[in-house]
PDB file of N, CA and C in Angstrom:
ATOM      1  N   UNK A   1     -45.723 -37.583 -89.130  1.00  0.00           N
ATOM      2  CA  UNK A   1     -46.409 -37.335 -87.862  1.00  0.00           C
ATOM      3  C   UNK A   1     -45.566 -36.388 -87.008  1.00  0.00           C
ATOM      4  N   UNK A   2     -46.226 -35.459 -86.392  1.00  0.00           N
ATOM      5  CA  UNK A   2     -45.564 -34.542 -85.465  1.00  0.00           C
ATOM      6  C   UNK A   2     -46.347 -34.570 -84.178  1.00  0.00           C
ATOM      7  N   UNK A   3     -45.670 -34.901 -83.074  1.00  0.00           N
ATOM      8  CA  UNK A   3     -46.354 -34.954 -81.784  1.00  0.00           C
ATOM      9  C   UNK A   3     -46.701 -33.554 -81.328  1.00  0.00           C
ATOM     10  N   UNK A   4     -47.937 -33.386 -80.865  1.00  0.00           N
ATOM     11  CA  UNK A   4     -48.381 -32.079 -80.405  1.00  0.00           C
ATOM     12  C   UNK A   4     -48.611 -32.025 -78.907  1.00  0.00           C
ATOM     13  N   UNK A   5     -48.768 -33.206 -78.261  1.00  0.00           N
ATOM     14  CA  UNK A   5     -49.034 -33.191 -76.819  1.00  0.00           C
ATOM     15  C   UNK A   5     -48.701 -34.543 -76.194  1.00  0.00           C
ATOM     16  N   UNK A   6     -48.829 -34.614 -74.889  1.00  0.00           N
ATOM     17  CA  UNK A   6     -48.482 -35.825 -74.149  1.00  0.00           C
ATOM     18  C   UNK A   6     -49.409 -37.000 -74.465  1.00  0.00           C
ATOM     19  N   UNK A   7     -50.657 -36.726 -74.780  1.00  0.00           N
ATOM     20  CA  UNK A   7     -51.579 -37.807 -75.142  1.00  0.00           C
ATOM     21  C   UNK A   7     -51.099 -38.493 -76.412  1.00  0.00           C
ATOM     22  N   UNK A   8     -50.681 -37.718 -77.395  1.00  0.00           N
ATOM     23  CA  UNK A   8     -50.170 -38.298 -78.634  1.00  0.00           C
ATOM     24  C   UNK A   8     -48.907 -39.113 -78.365  1.00  0.00           C
ATOM     25  N   UNK A   9     -48.053 -38.631 -77.460  1.00  0.00           N
ATOM     26  CA  UNK A   9     -46.841 -39.365 -77.108  1.00  0.00           C
ATOM     27  C   UNK A   9     -47.190 -40.699 -76.460  1.00  0.00           C
ATOM     28  N   UNK A  10     -48.115 -40.701 -75.522  1.00  0.00           N
ATOM     29  CA  UNK A  10     -48.521 -41.947 -74.860  1.00  0.00           C
ATOM     30  C   UNK A  10     -49.101 -42.929 -75.878  1.00  0.00           C
ATOM     31  N   UNK A  11     -49.929 -42.436 -76.785  1.00  0.00           N
ATOM     32  CA  UNK A  11     -50.516 -43.301 -77.811  1.00  0.00           C
ATOM     33  C   UNK A  11     -49.433 -43.900 -78.708  1.00  0.00           C
ATOM     34  N   UNK A  12     -48.461 -43.094 -79.077  1.00  0.00           N
ATOM     35  CA  UNK A  12     -47.362 -43.575 -79.910  1.00  0.00           C
ATOM     36  C   UNK A  12     -46.577 -44.667 -79.181  1.00  0.00           C
ATOM     37  N   UNK A  13     -46.229 -44.425 -77.931  1.00  0.00           N
ATOM     38  CA  UNK A  13     -45.453 -45.404 -77.161  1.00  0.00           C
ATOM     39  C   UNK A  13     -46.208 -46.723 -77.029  1.00  0.00           C
ATOM     40  N   UNK A  14     -47.502 -46.653 -76.802  1.00  0.00           N
ATOM     41  CA  UNK A  14     -48.310 -47.884 -76.680  1.00  0.00           C
ATOM     42  C   UNK A  14     -48.275 -48.711 -77.957  1.00  0.00           C
ATOM     43  N   UNK A  15     -48.101 -48.051 -79.079  1.00  0.00           N
ATOM     44  CA  UNK A  15     -48.104 -48.755 -80.353  1.00  0.00           C
ATOM     45  C   UNK A  15     -46.756 -49.309 -80.780  1.00  0.00           C
ATOM     46  N   UNK A  16     -45.703 -49.012 -80.034  1.00  0.00           N
ATOM     47  CA  UNK A  16     -44.379 -49.503 -80.415  1.00  0.00           C
ATOM     48  C   UNK A  16     -44.256 -50.991 -80.131  1.00  0.00           C
ATOM     49  N   UNK A  17     -43.585 -51.684 -81.010  1.00  0.00           N
ATOM     50  CA  UNK A  17     -43.372 -53.120 -80.865  1.00  0.00           C
ATOM     51  C   UNK A  17     -41.882 -53.369 -80.695  1.00  0.00           C
ATOM     52  N   UNK A  18     -41.461 -53.689 -79.492  1.00  0.00           N
ATOM     53  CA  UNK A  18     -40.044 -53.925 -79.234  1.00  0.00           C
ATOM     54  C   UNK A  18     -39.541 -55.229 -79.834  1.00  0.00           C
ATOM     55  N   UNK A  19     -40.421 -56.058 -80.334  1.00  0.00           N
ATOM     56  CA  UNK A  19     -39.998 -57.312 -80.943  1.00  0.00           C
ATOM     57  C   UNK A  19     -39.816 -57.200 -82.451  1.00  0.00           C
ATOM     58  N   UNK A  20     -40.093 -56.027 -82.989  1.00  0.00           N
ATOM     59  CA  UNK A  20     -39.973 -55.825 -84.429  1.00  0.00           C
ATOM     60  C   UNK A  20     -38.500 -55.775 -84.832  1.00  0.00           C
ATOM     61  N   UNK A  21     -38.157 -56.381 -85.962  1.00  0.00           N
ATOM     62  CA  UNK A  21     -36.767 -56.308 -86.424  1.00  0.00           C
ATOM     63  C   UNK A  21     -36.406 -54.935 -86.979  1.00  0.00           C
ATOM     64  N   UNK A  22     -37.398 -54.102 -87.225  1.00  0.00           N
ATOM     65  CA  UNK A  22     -37.125 -52.754 -87.739  1.00  0.00           C
ATOM     66  C   UNK A  22     -36.617 -51.867 -86.622  1.00  0.00           C
ATOM     67  N   UNK A  23     -35.487 -51.274 -86.825  1.00  0.00           N
ATOM     68  CA  UNK A  23     -34.819 -50.478 -85.813  1.00  0.00           C
ATOM     69  C   UNK A  23     -35.652 -49.300 -85.318  1.00  0.00           C
ATOM     70  N   UNK A  24     -36.365 -48.638 -86.174  1.00  0.00           N
ATOM     71  CA  UNK A  24     -37.082 -47.426 -85.784  1.00  0.00           C
ATOM     72  C   UNK A  24     -38.341 -47.701 -84.986  1.00  0.00           C
ATOM     73  N   UNK A  25     -38.658 -48.945 -84.747  1.00  0.00           N
ATOM     74  CA  UNK A  25     -39.828 -49.241 -83.920  1.00  0.00           C
ATOM     75  C   UNK A  25     -39.419 -49.604 -82.507  1.00  0.00           C
ATOM     76  N   UNK A  26     -38.129 -49.624 -82.205  1.00  0.00           N
ATOM     77  CA  UNK A  26     -37.649 -50.019 -80.893  1.00  0.00           C
ATOM     78  C   UNK A  26     -37.814 -48.947 -79.835  1.00  0.00           C
ATOM     79  N   UNK A  27     -37.768 -49.382 -78.593  1.00  0.00           N
ATOM     80  CA  UNK A  27     -37.840 -48.489 -77.446  1.00  0.00           C
ATOM     81  C   UNK A  27     -36.835 -48.989 -76.424  1.00  0.00           C
ATOM     82  N   UNK A  28     -36.020 -48.077 -75.905  1.00  0.00           N
ATOM     83  CA  UNK A  28     -35.024 -48.437 -74.902  1.00  0.00           C
ATOM     84  C   UNK A  28     -34.688 -47.177 -74.105  1.00  0.00           C
ATOM     85  N   UNK A  29     -35.061 -47.158 -72.835  1.00  0.00           N
ATOM     86  CA  UNK A  29     -34.806 -45.984 -71.990  1.00  0.00           C
ATOM     87  C   UNK A  29     -33.310 -45.722 -71.804  1.00  0.00           C
ATOM     88  N   UNK A  30     -32.458 -46.690 -72.104  1.00  0.00           N
ATOM     89  CA  UNK A  30     -31.012 -46.524 -71.942  1.00  0.00           C
ATOM     90  C   UNK A  30     -30.325 -45.959 -73.178  1.00  0.00           C
ATOM     91  N   UNK A  31     -31.066 -45.779 -74.259  1.00  0.00           N
ATOM     92  CA  UNK A  31     -30.483 -45.251 -75.489  1.00  0.00           C
ATOM     93  C   UNK A  31     -31.264 -44.016 -75.915  1.00  0.00           C
ATOM     94  N   UNK A  32     -30.566 -42.911 -76.002  1.00  0.00           N
ATOM     95  CA  UNK A  32     -31.256 -41.641 -76.227  1.00  0.00           C
ATOM     96  C   UNK A  32     -32.090 -41.625 -77.502  1.00  0.00           C
ATOM     97  N   UNK A  33     -31.662 -42.294 -78.543  1.00  0.00           N
ATOM     98  CA  UNK A  33     -32.438 -42.278 -79.783  1.00  0.00           C
ATOM     99  C   UNK A  33     -33.733 -43.067 -79.674  1.00  0.00           C
ATOM    100  N   UNK A  34     -33.826 -43.981 -78.700  1.00  0.00           N
ATOM    101  CA  UNK A  34     -34.976 -44.868 -78.609  1.00  0.00           C
ATOM    102  C   UNK A  34     -35.760 -44.719 -77.312  1.00  0.00           C
ATOM    103  N   UNK A  35     -35.467 -43.698 -76.540  1.00  0.00           N
ATOM    104  CA  UNK A  35     -36.171 -43.465 -75.277  1.00  0.00           C
ATOM    105  C   UNK A  35     -37.354 -42.513 -75.514  1.00  0.00           C
ATOM    106  N   UNK A  36     -37.991 -42.111 -74.454  1.00  0.00           N
ATOM    107  CA  UNK A  36     -39.138 -41.199 -74.564  1.00  0.00           C
ATOM    108  C   UNK A  36     -38.761 -39.935 -75.337  1.00  0.00           C
ATOM    109  N   UNK A  37     -37.730 -39.265 -74.891  1.00  0.00           N
ATOM    110  CA  UNK A  37     -37.305 -38.030 -75.552  1.00  0.00           C
ATOM    111  C   UNK A  37     -36.825 -38.260 -76.971  1.00  0.00           C
ATOM    112  N   UNK A  38     -36.188 -39.392 -77.208  1.00  0.00           N
ATOM    113  CA  UNK A  38     -35.702 -39.723 -78.545  1.00  0.00           C
ATOM    114  C   UNK A  38     -36.832 -39.826 -79.552  1.00  0.00           C
ATOM    115  N   UNK A  39     -37.958 -40.393 -79.115  1.00  0.00           N
ATOM    116  CA  UNK A  39     -39.113 -40.483 -80.005  1.00  0.00           C
ATOM    117  C   UNK A  39     -39.703 -39.107 -80.287  1.00  0.00           C
ATOM    118  N   UNK A  40     -39.718 -38.229 -79.280  1.00  0.00           N
ATOM    119  CA  UNK A  40     -40.201 -36.858 -79.509  1.00  0.00           C
ATOM    120  C   UNK A  40     -39.279 -36.167 -80.511  1.00  0.00           C
ATOM    121  N   UNK A  41     -37.965 -36.315 -80.313  1.00  0.00           N
ATOM    122  CA  UNK A  41     -37.019 -35.693 -81.233  1.00  0.00           C
ATOM    123  C   UNK A  41     -37.170 -36.228 -82.647  1.00  0.00           C
ATOM    124  N   UNK A  42     -37.320 -37.523 -82.795  1.00  0.00           N
ATOM    125  CA  UNK A  42     -37.424 -38.147 -84.109  1.00  0.00           C
ATOM    126  C   UNK A  42     -38.633 -37.618 -84.879  1.00  0.00           C
ATOM    127  N   UNK A  43     -39.732 -37.437 -84.193  1.00  0.00           N
ATOM    128  CA  UNK A  43     -40.956 -37.013 -84.873  1.00  0.00           C
ATOM    129  C   UNK A  43     -41.084 -35.504 -85.020  1.00  0.00           C
ATOM    130  N   UNK A  44     -40.337 -34.754 -84.252  1.00  0.00           N
ATOM    131  CA  UNK A  44     -40.406 -33.288 -84.314  1.00  0.00           C
ATOM    132  C   UNK A  44     -39.037 -32.751 -84.734  1.00  0.00           C
ATOM    133  N   UNK A  45     -38.855 -32.560 -86.010  1.00  0.00           N
ATOM    134  CA  UNK A  45     -37.546 -32.151 -86.538  1.00  0.00           C
ATOM    135  C   UNK A  45     -36.977 -30.905 -85.853  1.00  0.00           C
ATOM    136  N   UNK A  46     -37.835 -30.005 -85.435  1.00  0.00           N
ATOM    137  CA  UNK A  46     -37.341 -28.761 -84.824  1.00  0.00           C
ATOM    138  C   UNK A  46     -36.823 -28.970 -83.402  1.00  0.00           C
ATOM    139  N   UNK A  47     -36.961 -30.168 -82.844  1.00  0.00           N
ATOM    140  CA  UNK A  47     -36.449 -30.419 -81.499  1.00  0.00           C
ATOM    141  C   UNK A  47     -35.226 -31.342 -81.499  1.00  0.00           C
ATOM    142  N   UNK A  48     -34.746 -31.733 -82.654  1.00  0.00           N
ATOM    143  CA  UNK A  48     -33.658 -32.716 -82.735  1.00  0.00           C
ATOM    144  C   UNK A  48     -32.351 -32.252 -82.111  1.00  0.00           C
ATOM    145  N   UNK A  49     -32.122 -30.964 -82.056  1.00  0.00           N
ATOM    146  CA  UNK A  49     -30.887 -30.468 -81.451  1.00  0.00           C
ATOM    147  C   UNK A  49     -31.032 -30.147 -79.968  1.00  0.00           C
ATOM    148  N   UNK A  50     -32.210 -30.379 -79.405  1.00  0.00           N
ATOM    149  CA  UNK A  50     -32.448 -30.090 -77.993  1.00  0.00           C
ATOM    150  C   UNK A  50     -32.111 -31.291 -77.124  1.00  0.00           C
ATOM    151  N   UNK A  51     -31.820 -31.046 -75.850  1.00  0.00           N
ATOM    152  CA  UNK A  51     -31.697 -32.125 -74.877  1.00  0.00           C
ATOM    153  C   UNK A  51     -33.039 -32.841 -74.815  1.00  0.00           C
ATOM    154  N   UNK A  52     -33.028 -34.108 -74.403  1.00  0.00           N
ATOM    155  CA  UNK A  52     -34.256 -34.907 -74.393  1.00  0.00           C
ATOM    156  C   UNK A  52     -35.375 -34.257 -73.597  1.00  0.00           C
ATOM    157  N   UNK A  53     -35.062 -33.792 -72.383  1.00  0.00           N
ATOM    158  CA  UNK A  53     -36.098 -33.189 -71.548  1.00  0.00           C
ATOM    159  C   UNK A  53     -36.639 -31.909 -72.174  1.00  0.00           C
ATOM    160  N   UNK A  54     -35.802 -31.152 -72.840  1.00  0.00           N
ATOM    161  CA  UNK A  54     -36.273 -29.929 -73.496  1.00  0.00           C
ATOM    162  C   UNK A  54     -37.152 -30.252 -74.700  1.00  0.00           C
ATOM    163  N   UNK A  55     -36.819 -31.325 -75.405  1.00  0.00           N
ATOM    164  CA  UNK A  55     -37.662 -31.744 -76.526  1.00  0.00           C
ATOM    165  C   UNK A  55     -39.042 -32.138 -76.015  1.00  0.00           C
ATOM    166  N   UNK A  56     -39.094 -32.924 -74.929  1.00  0.00           N
ATOM    167  CA  UNK A  56     -40.380 -33.336 -74.362  1.00  0.00           C
ATOM    168  C   UNK A  56     -41.153 -32.119 -73.856  1.00  0.00           C
ATOM    169  N   UNK A  57     -40.456 -31.136 -73.304  1.00  0.00           N
ATOM    170  CA  UNK A  57     -41.123 -29.928 -72.794  1.00  0.00           C
ATOM    171  C   UNK A  57     -41.893 -29.203 -73.894  1.00  0.00           C
ATOM    172  N   UNK A  58     -41.485 -29.362 -75.142  1.00  0.00           N
ATOM    173  CA  UNK A  58     -42.181 -28.674 -76.239  1.00  0.00           C
ATOM    174  C   UNK A  58     -43.587 -29.212 -76.463  1.00  0.00           C
ATOM    175  N   UNK A  59     -43.896 -30.416 -75.959  1.00  0.00           N
ATOM    176  CA  UNK A  59     -45.244 -30.971 -76.127  1.00  0.00           C
ATOM    177  C   UNK A  59     -46.009 -31.019 -74.800  1.00  0.00           C
ATOM    178  N   UNK A  60     -45.436 -30.413 -73.773  1.00  0.00           N
ATOM    179  CA  UNK A  60     -46.070 -30.362 -72.445  1.00  0.00           C
ATOM    180  C   UNK A  60     -46.770 -29.027 -72.238  1.00  0.00           C
ATOM    181  N   UNK A  61     -47.746 -29.003 -71.335  1.00  0.00           N
ATOM    182  CA  UNK A  61     -48.350 -27.719 -70.991  1.00  0.00           C
ATOM    183  C   UNK A  61     -47.281 -26.757 -70.474  1.00  0.00           C
ATOM    184  N   UNK A  62     -47.402 -25.466 -70.761  1.00  0.00           N
ATOM    185  CA  UNK A  62     -46.366 -24.502 -70.384  1.00  0.00           C
ATOM    186  C   UNK A  62     -46.095 -24.417 -68.883  1.00  0.00           C
ATOM    187  N   UNK A  63     -47.077 -24.750 -68.055  1.00  0.00           N
ATOM    188  CA  UNK A  63     -46.880 -24.633 -66.617  1.00  0.00           C
ATOM    189  C   UNK A  63     -46.343 -25.916 -65.972  1.00  0.00           C
ATOM    190  N   UNK A  64     -46.042 -26.935 -66.767  1.00  0.00           N
ATOM    191  CA  UNK A  64     -45.546 -28.200 -66.212  1.00  0.00           C
ATOM    192  C   UNK A  64     -44.115 -28.007 -65.711  1.00  0.00           C
ATOM    193  N   UNK A  65     -43.819 -28.606 -64.578  1.00  0.00           N
ATOM    194  CA  UNK A  65     -42.514 -28.493 -63.940  1.00  0.00           C
ATOM    195  C   UNK A  65     -41.416 -29.121 -64.790  1.00  0.00           C
ATOM    196  N   UNK A  66     -40.367 -28.362 -65.027  1.00  0.00           N
ATOM    197  CA  UNK A  66     -39.228 -28.899 -65.777  1.00  0.00           C
ATOM    198  C   UNK A  66     -38.565 -30.040 -65.007  1.00  0.00           C
ATOM    199  N   UNK A  67     -38.655 -30.009 -63.685  1.00  0.00           N
ATOM    200  CA  UNK A  67     -38.107 -31.081 -62.847  1.00  0.00           C
ATOM    201  C   UNK A  67     -38.828 -32.402 -63.138  1.00  0.00           C
ATOM    202  N   UNK A  68     -40.136 -32.362 -63.267  1.00  0.00           N
ATOM    203  CA  UNK A  68     -40.911 -33.567 -63.532  1.00  0.00           C
ATOM    204  C   UNK A  68     -40.661 -34.078 -64.951  1.00  0.00           C
ATOM    205  N   UNK A  69     -40.527 -33.168 -65.901  1.00  0.00           N
ATOM    206  CA  UNK A  69     -40.215 -33.560 -67.277  1.00  0.00           C
ATOM    207  C   UNK A  69     -38.836 -34.216 -67.321  1.00  0.00           C
ATOM    208  N   UNK A  70     -37.886 -33.650 -66.601  1.00  0.00           N
ATOM    209  CA  UNK A  70     -36.533 -34.216 -66.535  1.00  0.00           C
ATOM    210  C   UNK A  70     -36.584 -35.630 -65.966  1.00  0.00           C
ATOM    211  N   UNK A  71     -37.363 -35.837 -64.908  1.00  0.00           N
ATOM    212  CA  UNK A  71     -37.481 -37.155 -64.293  1.00  0.00           C
ATOM    213  C   UNK A  71     -38.125 -38.160 -65.242  1.00  0.00           C
ATOM    214  N   UNK A  72     -39.023 -37.718 -66.101  1.00  0.00           N
ATOM    215  CA  UNK A  72     -39.613 -38.610 -67.090  1.00  0.00           C
ATOM    216  C   UNK A  72     -38.537 -39.134 -68.046  1.00  0.00           C
ATOM    217  N   UNK A  73     -37.646 -38.265 -68.453  1.00  0.00           N
ATOM    218  CA  UNK A  73     -36.601 -38.641 -69.405  1.00  0.00           C
ATOM    219  C   UNK A  73     -35.420 -39.341 -68.745  1.00  0.00           C
ATOM    220  N   UNK A  74     -35.108 -38.958 -67.527  1.00  0.00           N
ATOM    221  CA  UNK A  74     -33.959 -39.500 -66.803  1.00  0.00           C
ATOM    222  C   UNK A  74     -34.416 -39.950 -65.417  1.00  0.00           C
ATOM    223  N   UNK A  75     -34.984 -41.161 -65.320  1.00  0.00           N
ATOM    224  CA  UNK A  75     -35.480 -41.628 -64.018  1.00  0.00           C
ATOM    225  C   UNK A  75     -34.397 -41.561 -62.944  1.00  0.00           C
ATOM    226  N   UNK A  76     -34.795 -41.096 -61.774  1.00  0.00           N
ATOM    227  CA  UNK A  76     -33.845 -40.922 -60.668  1.00  0.00           C
ATOM    228  C   UNK A  76     -33.286 -42.242 -60.175  1.00  0.00           C
ATOM    229  N   UNK A  77     -32.019 -42.243 -59.870  1.00  0.00           N
ATOM    230  CA  UNK A  77     -31.389 -43.361 -59.182  1.00  0.00           C
ATOM    231  C   UNK A  77     -30.786 -44.421 -60.070  1.00  0.00           C
ATOM    232  N   UNK A  78     -29.554 -44.752 -59.763  1.00  0.00           N
ATOM    233  CA  UNK A  78     -28.880 -45.846 -60.454  1.00  0.00           C
ATOM    234  C   UNK A  78     -29.607 -47.139 -60.092  1.00  0.00           C
ATOM    235  N   UNK A  79     -29.858 -47.956 -61.055  1.00  0.00           N
ATOM    236  CA  UNK A  79     -30.569 -49.202 -60.818  1.00  0.00           C
ATOM    237  C   UNK A  79     -32.082 -49.045 -60.760  1.00  0.00           C
ATOM    238  N   UNK A  80     -32.573 -47.833 -60.991  1.00  0.00           N
ATOM    239  CA  UNK A  80     -34.016 -47.601 -61.010  1.00  0.00           C
ATOM    240  C   UNK A  80     -34.632 -48.496 -62.088  1.00  0.00           C
ATOM    241  N   UNK A  81     -35.648 -49.288 -61.754  1.00  0.00           N
ATOM    242  CA  UNK A  81     -36.245 -50.185 -62.752  1.00  0.00           C
ATOM    243  C   UNK A  81     -36.846 -49.455 -63.952  1.00  0.00           C
ATOM    244  N   UNK A  82     -37.092 -48.161 -63.837  1.00  0.00           N
ATOM    245  CA  UNK A  82     -37.657 -47.405 -64.956  1.00  0.00           C
ATOM    246  C   UNK A  82     -36.730 -47.402 -66.168  1.00  0.00           C
ATOM    247  N   UNK A  83     -35.443 -47.593 -65.950  1.00  0.00           N
ATOM    248  CA  UNK A  83     -34.504 -47.649 -67.070  1.00  0.00           C
ATOM    249  C   UNK A  83     -34.762 -48.876 -67.950  1.00  0.00           C
ATOM    250  N   UNK A  84     -35.554 -49.830 -67.450  1.00  0.00           N
ATOM    251  CA  UNK A  84     -35.894 -51.030 -68.221  1.00  0.00           C
ATOM    252  C   UNK A  84     -37.372 -51.032 -68.619  1.00  0.00           C
ATOM    253  N   UNK A  85     -37.999 -49.881 -68.583  1.00  0.00           N
ATOM    254  CA  UNK A  85     -39.431 -49.765 -68.884  1.00  0.00           C
ATOM    255  C   UNK A  85     -39.736 -50.221 -70.308  1.00  0.00           C
ATOM    256  N   UNK A  86     -40.883 -50.862 -70.448  1.00  0.00           N
ATOM    257  CA  UNK A  86     -41.391 -51.222 -71.773  1.00  0.00           C
ATOM    258  C   UNK A  86     -42.053 -49.978 -72.375  1.00  0.00           C
ATOM    259  N   UNK A  87     -42.353 -50.008 -73.659  1.00  0.00           N
ATOM    260  CA  UNK A  87     -43.075 -48.875 -74.242  1.00  0.00           C
ATOM    261  C   UNK A  87     -44.418 -48.625 -73.551  1.00  0.00           C
ATOM    262  N   UNK A  88     -45.089 -49.695 -73.151  1.00  0.00           N
ATOM    263  CA  UNK A  88     -46.387 -49.548 -72.489  1.00  0.00           C
ATOM    264  C   UNK A  88     -46.227 -48.912 -71.102  1.00  0.00           C
ATOM    265  N   UNK A  89     -45.177 -49.268 -70.387  1.00  0.00           N
ATOM    266  CA  UNK A  89     -44.918 -48.648 -69.085  1.00  0.00           C
ATOM    267  C   UNK A  89     -44.547 -47.182 -69.272  1.00  0.00           C
ATOM    268  N   UNK A  90     -43.764 -46.884 -70.292  1.00  0.00           N
ATOM    269  CA  UNK A  90     -43.414 -45.488 -70.569  1.00  0.00           C
ATOM    270  C   UNK A  90     -44.658 -44.685 -70.906  1.00  0.00           C
ATOM    271  N   UNK A  91     -45.582 -45.280 -71.652  1.00  0.00           N
ATOM    272  CA  UNK A  91     -46.846 -44.601 -71.974  1.00  0.00           C
ATOM    273  C   UNK A  91     -47.609 -44.279 -70.696  1.00  0.00           C
ATOM    274  N   UNK A  92     -47.621 -45.217 -69.766  1.00  0.00           N
ATOM    275  CA  UNK A  92     -48.305 -44.979 -68.492  1.00  0.00           C
ATOM    276  C   UNK A  92     -47.624 -43.842 -67.727  1.00  0.00           C
ATOM    277  N   UNK A  93     -46.298 -43.798 -67.751  1.00  0.00           N
ATOM    278  CA  UNK A  93     -45.571 -42.709 -67.076  1.00  0.00           C
ATOM    279  C   UNK A  93     -45.940 -41.359 -67.693  1.00  0.00           C
ATOM    280  N   UNK A  94     -46.038 -41.322 -68.997  1.00  0.00           N
ATOM    281  CA  UNK A  94     -46.423 -40.077 -69.689  1.00  0.00           C
ATOM    282  C   UNK A  94     -47.835 -39.670 -69.283  1.00  0.00           C
ATOM    283  N   UNK A  95     -48.748 -40.626 -69.215  1.00  0.00           N
ATOM    284  CA  UNK A  95     -50.134 -40.320 -68.834  1.00  0.00           C
ATOM    285  C   UNK A  95     -50.228 -39.835 -67.393  1.00  0.00           C
ATOM    286  N   UNK A  96     -49.467 -40.429 -66.501  1.00  0.00           N
ATOM    287  CA  UNK A  96     -49.460 -39.960 -65.109  1.00  0.00           C
ATOM    288  C   UNK A  96     -48.950 -38.528 -65.047  1.00  0.00           C
ATOM    289  N   UNK A  97     -47.868 -38.247 -65.778  1.00  0.00           N
ATOM    290  CA  UNK A  97     -47.345 -36.879 -65.816  1.00  0.00           C
ATOM    291  C   UNK A  97     -48.397 -35.925 -66.375  1.00  0.00           C
ATOM    292  N   UNK A  98     -49.035 -36.325 -67.454  1.00  0.00           N
ATOM    293  CA  UNK A  98     -50.082 -35.495 -68.076  1.00  0.00           C
ATOM    294  C   UNK A  98     -51.233 -35.217 -67.111  1.00  0.00           C
ATOM    295  N   UNK A  99     -51.662 -36.263 -66.391  1.00  0.00           N
ATOM    296  CA  UNK A  99     -52.855 -36.157 -65.555  1.00  0.00           C
ATOM    297  C   UNK A  99     -52.605 -35.532 -64.182  1.00  0.00           C
ATOM    298  N   UNK A 100     -51.389 -35.683 -63.662  1.00  0.00           N
ATOM    299  CA  UNK A 100     -51.111 -35.213 -62.301  1.00  0.00           C
ATOM    300  C   UNK A 100     -50.079 -34.101 -62.227  1.00  0.00           C
ATOM    301  N   UNK A 101     -49.303 -33.934 -63.297  1.00  0.00           N
ATOM    302  CA  UNK A 101     -48.208 -32.967 -63.262  1.00  0.00           C
ATOM    303  C   UNK A 101     -46.974 -33.510 -62.560  1.00  0.00           C
ATOM    304  N   UNK A 102     -47.024 -34.768 -62.158  1.00  0.00           N
ATOM    305  CA  UNK A 102     -45.905 -35.410 -61.458  1.00  0.00           C
ATOM    306  C   UNK A 102     -45.465 -36.640 -62.237  1.00  0.00           C
ATOM    307  N   UNK A 103     -44.180 -36.891 -62.247  1.00  0.00           N
ATOM    308  CA  UNK A 103     -43.666 -38.120 -62.829  1.00  0.00           C
ATOM    309  C   UNK A 103     -43.520 -39.140 -61.717  1.00  0.00           C
ATOM    310  N   UNK A 104     -44.159 -40.287 -61.876  1.00  0.00           N
ATOM    311  CA  UNK A 104     -44.165 -41.299 -60.815  1.00  0.00           C
ATOM    312  C   UNK A 104     -43.784 -42.666 -61.378  1.00  0.00           C
ATOM    313  N   UNK A 105     -42.484 -42.826 -61.629  1.00  0.00           N
ATOM    314  CA  UNK A 105     -41.990 -44.097 -62.155  1.00  0.00           C
ATOM    315  C   UNK A 105     -42.242 -45.236 -61.156  1.00  0.00           C
ATOM    316  N   UNK A 106     -42.205 -44.930 -59.876  1.00  0.00           N
ATOM    317  CA  UNK A 106     -42.447 -45.975 -58.868  1.00  0.00           C
ATOM    318  C   UNK A 106     -43.827 -46.597 -59.066  1.00  0.00           C
ATOM    319  N   UNK A 107     -44.823 -45.776 -59.283  1.00  0.00           N
ATOM    320  CA  UNK A 107     -46.179 -46.267 -59.527  1.00  0.00           C
ATOM    321  C   UNK A 107     -46.244 -47.082 -60.823  1.00  0.00           C
ATOM    322  N   UNK A 108     -45.572 -46.600 -61.838  1.00  0.00           N
ATOM    323  CA  UNK A 108     -45.589 -47.266 -63.133  1.00  0.00           C
ATOM    324  C   UNK A 108     -44.964 -48.660 -63.045  1.00  0.00           C
ATOM    325  N   UNK A 109     -43.876 -48.779 -62.320  1.00  0.00           N
ATOM    326  CA  UNK A 109     -43.096 -50.021 -62.319  1.00  0.00           C
ATOM    327  C   UNK A 109     -43.558 -51.033 -61.290  1.00  0.00           C
ATOM    328  N   UNK A 110     -44.664 -50.775 -60.581  1.00  0.00           N
ATOM    329  CA  UNK A 110     -45.190 -51.743 -59.605  1.00  0.00           C
ATOM    330  C   UNK A 110     -45.563 -53.045 -60.265  1.00  0.00           C
TER     331      UNK A 110
END
């Protein structure tokens, strides 16, 4: 599977099971291999050497703000609850970014 857009990323995140004993099904915003960008890198071999936000940018519309993509991968603020997001919450964050062009972790984590 190769992710082509943000909708595919959101669908993938929704399907992840954090309770699975298989390592490659895990999601953790605090670990680069298992966060939003890590999943994009894992599925898109040509982005594996890129920073997480740059890897995610490869599946975003060309006019999307790099600042918003960066915030999706690295939620602002120490102690921000987004660092503990579930795969389903991360999927919602991706959909908000896709639909509005803005990353809104505050809305997601309500």
